[in-house]
N, C-alpha and C. Protein backbone atom coordinates (compact mmCIF):
# COMPACT_ATOMS: atom_id res chain seq x y z
N MET A 1 -32.83 38.02 -181.20
CA MET A 1 -30.98 37.44 -181.45
C MET A 1 -30.13 39.05 -181.03
N ARG A 2 -29.22 39.16 -180.10
CA ARG A 2 -28.45 39.98 -179.15
C ARG A 2 -28.11 41.05 -179.96
N ASN A 3 -27.37 42.04 -179.77
CA ASN A 3 -26.54 42.80 -180.54
C ASN A 3 -24.93 42.76 -180.01
N TYR A 4 -24.59 41.53 -180.62
CA TYR A 4 -22.84 41.49 -180.31
C TYR A 4 -21.80 42.03 -181.28
N ALA A 5 -22.33 42.86 -181.99
CA ALA A 5 -21.60 43.42 -182.70
C ALA A 5 -20.28 44.27 -182.00
N TRP A 6 -20.23 44.47 -180.59
CA TRP A 6 -19.48 44.96 -179.90
C TRP A 6 -17.80 44.00 -179.55
N ILE A 7 -18.84 42.78 -179.79
CA ILE A 7 -17.22 41.92 -179.83
C ILE A 7 -16.57 41.93 -180.78
N TRP A 8 -16.66 42.24 -182.44
CA TRP A 8 -15.57 42.34 -183.83
C TRP A 8 -14.94 43.36 -183.25
N PHE A 9 -15.48 44.90 -183.24
CA PHE A 9 -15.19 46.02 -182.92
C PHE A 9 -14.38 45.91 -181.20
N ALA A 10 -14.04 45.14 -180.27
CA ALA A 10 -13.53 44.81 -179.54
C ALA A 10 -12.13 44.45 -179.80
N GLY A 11 -12.14 43.01 -180.88
CA GLY A 11 -11.07 42.51 -181.83
C GLY A 11 -10.36 43.48 -182.68
N PHE A 12 -11.20 44.55 -183.30
CA PHE A 12 -10.52 44.86 -184.23
C PHE A 12 -9.25 46.30 -183.52
N VAL A 13 -10.15 46.57 -182.11
CA VAL A 13 -9.21 47.62 -181.23
C VAL A 13 -7.73 46.86 -180.89
N ALA A 14 -8.40 45.42 -180.08
CA ALA A 14 -6.59 44.50 -179.99
C ALA A 14 -5.92 44.54 -180.52
N TRP A 15 -6.16 44.03 -182.06
CA TRP A 15 -5.29 43.70 -182.93
C TRP A 15 -4.87 45.03 -183.45
N LEU A 16 -5.77 46.34 -183.75
CA LEU A 16 -4.82 47.95 -183.77
C LEU A 16 -3.74 47.53 -182.59
N VAL A 17 -4.04 47.29 -181.70
CA VAL A 17 -2.97 48.04 -180.25
C VAL A 17 -1.71 46.92 -180.61
N ASP A 18 -1.82 45.64 -181.00
CA ASP A 18 -1.11 44.53 -181.19
C ASP A 18 -0.16 45.64 -182.63
N GLY A 19 -1.00 45.75 -183.47
CA GLY A 19 -0.61 46.34 -184.57
C GLY A 19 0.82 47.57 -184.15
N ILE A 20 0.07 48.22 -183.52
CA ILE A 20 1.21 49.81 -183.06
C ILE A 20 2.56 48.84 -182.07
N ILE A 21 1.92 48.30 -180.99
CA ILE A 21 3.38 48.03 -180.47
C ILE A 21 4.24 47.39 -181.38
N SER A 22 4.09 46.52 -182.51
CA SER A 22 4.76 45.99 -183.04
C SER A 22 5.60 46.87 -183.93
N LEU A 23 4.95 48.08 -183.96
CA LEU A 23 5.73 49.15 -185.14
C LEU A 23 6.35 49.73 -183.74
N ARG A 24 6.57 50.10 -182.79
CA ARG A 24 7.02 50.14 -181.52
C ARG A 24 8.04 49.23 -181.87
N LEU A 25 8.59 47.95 -181.81
CA LEU A 25 9.15 47.60 -181.80
C LEU A 25 10.04 46.86 -183.29
N HIS A 26 9.71 47.52 -183.95
CA HIS A 26 10.05 47.02 -185.59
C HIS A 26 10.11 45.99 -185.94
N SER A 27 9.16 45.43 -186.07
CA SER A 27 8.83 43.84 -186.04
C SER A 27 7.21 44.30 -187.39
N MET A 28 8.18 44.22 -188.62
CA MET A 28 7.46 45.16 -189.47
C MET A 28 6.05 43.93 -189.89
N GLN A 29 6.60 43.16 -189.89
CA GLN A 29 5.71 41.55 -190.61
C GLN A 29 4.65 41.40 -189.84
N HIS A 30 4.94 41.27 -188.43
CA HIS A 30 3.89 41.19 -187.45
C HIS A 30 2.87 42.15 -187.26
N ALA A 31 3.54 43.58 -187.36
CA ALA A 31 2.49 44.62 -187.67
C ALA A 31 1.92 44.63 -188.71
N GLN A 32 1.85 44.28 -189.91
CA GLN A 32 1.41 44.44 -191.17
C GLN A 32 0.52 43.06 -191.04
N LEU A 33 0.32 42.13 -190.07
CA LEU A 33 -0.30 40.94 -190.46
C LEU A 33 -1.74 41.45 -189.43
N ALA A 34 -0.78 42.39 -188.23
CA ALA A 34 -1.65 42.29 -187.34
C ALA A 34 -3.10 43.53 -187.98
N PHE A 35 -2.65 44.90 -188.48
CA PHE A 35 -3.30 45.52 -189.34
C PHE A 35 -4.07 44.55 -190.28
N LEU A 36 -4.03 43.87 -190.97
CA LEU A 36 -4.45 43.05 -191.82
C LEU A 36 -5.61 42.45 -190.92
N VAL A 37 -5.44 41.80 -189.92
CA VAL A 37 -6.17 40.78 -189.45
C VAL A 37 -7.34 42.10 -188.78
N ALA A 38 -6.59 43.31 -188.30
CA ALA A 38 -7.60 43.96 -187.90
C ALA A 38 -8.82 45.13 -188.44
N MET A 39 -8.20 44.51 -190.17
CA MET A 39 -9.33 45.54 -191.01
C MET A 39 -10.76 43.94 -191.57
N VAL A 40 -9.90 43.06 -191.06
CA VAL A 40 -11.00 41.87 -191.15
C VAL A 40 -11.96 42.53 -190.06
N PHE A 41 -11.42 42.16 -188.80
CA PHE A 41 -12.24 42.89 -187.86
C PHE A 41 -13.08 43.54 -187.92
N LEU A 42 -12.87 44.53 -188.07
CA LEU A 42 -13.80 45.93 -188.51
C LEU A 42 -14.49 45.76 -189.53
N ALA A 43 -14.22 44.99 -190.29
CA ALA A 43 -15.28 44.85 -191.96
C ALA A 43 -15.80 43.66 -190.89
N ALA A 44 -15.92 42.21 -190.09
CA ALA A 44 -17.26 41.55 -190.13
C ALA A 44 -17.84 42.42 -188.71
N GLY A 45 -17.40 43.85 -188.25
CA GLY A 45 -18.27 44.36 -187.14
C GLY A 45 -19.38 44.52 -187.82
N LEU A 46 -18.78 45.39 -188.86
CA LEU A 46 -19.80 46.29 -189.67
C LEU A 46 -21.07 45.64 -190.46
N PHE A 47 -20.27 44.84 -190.93
CA PHE A 47 -21.36 43.85 -191.70
C PHE A 47 -22.30 43.09 -190.69
N TYR A 48 -22.27 42.35 -189.62
CA TYR A 48 -22.69 41.82 -188.54
C TYR A 48 -23.51 43.15 -187.58
N ARG A 49 -22.96 44.39 -187.64
CA ARG A 49 -24.21 45.46 -187.45
C ARG A 49 -25.18 45.97 -188.05
N ARG A 50 -25.27 45.55 -189.66
CA ARG A 50 -25.63 45.98 -190.47
C ARG A 50 -26.93 44.80 -190.82
N GLN A 51 -26.59 43.61 -189.99
CA GLN A 51 -27.41 42.97 -190.60
C GLN A 51 -28.43 42.03 -189.13
N GLN A 52 -28.35 43.76 -187.97
CA GLN A 52 -28.78 43.06 -187.09
C GLN A 52 -29.75 44.18 -186.99
N ARG A 53 -29.79 45.34 -187.92
CA ARG A 53 -30.81 45.78 -187.95
C ARG A 53 -31.90 46.00 -189.39
């Protein structure tokens, strides 16, 4: 099986950037949600990478 863990990390970065933009626009609820989803993507990426080894 190929190593596709980078997709999860790309999603993490995308949601992190979205959260930062939301903070700059003073949209706190959206920023909190974006950071929460980013953490889920990070955890999934770490889990998937460990599973590959």
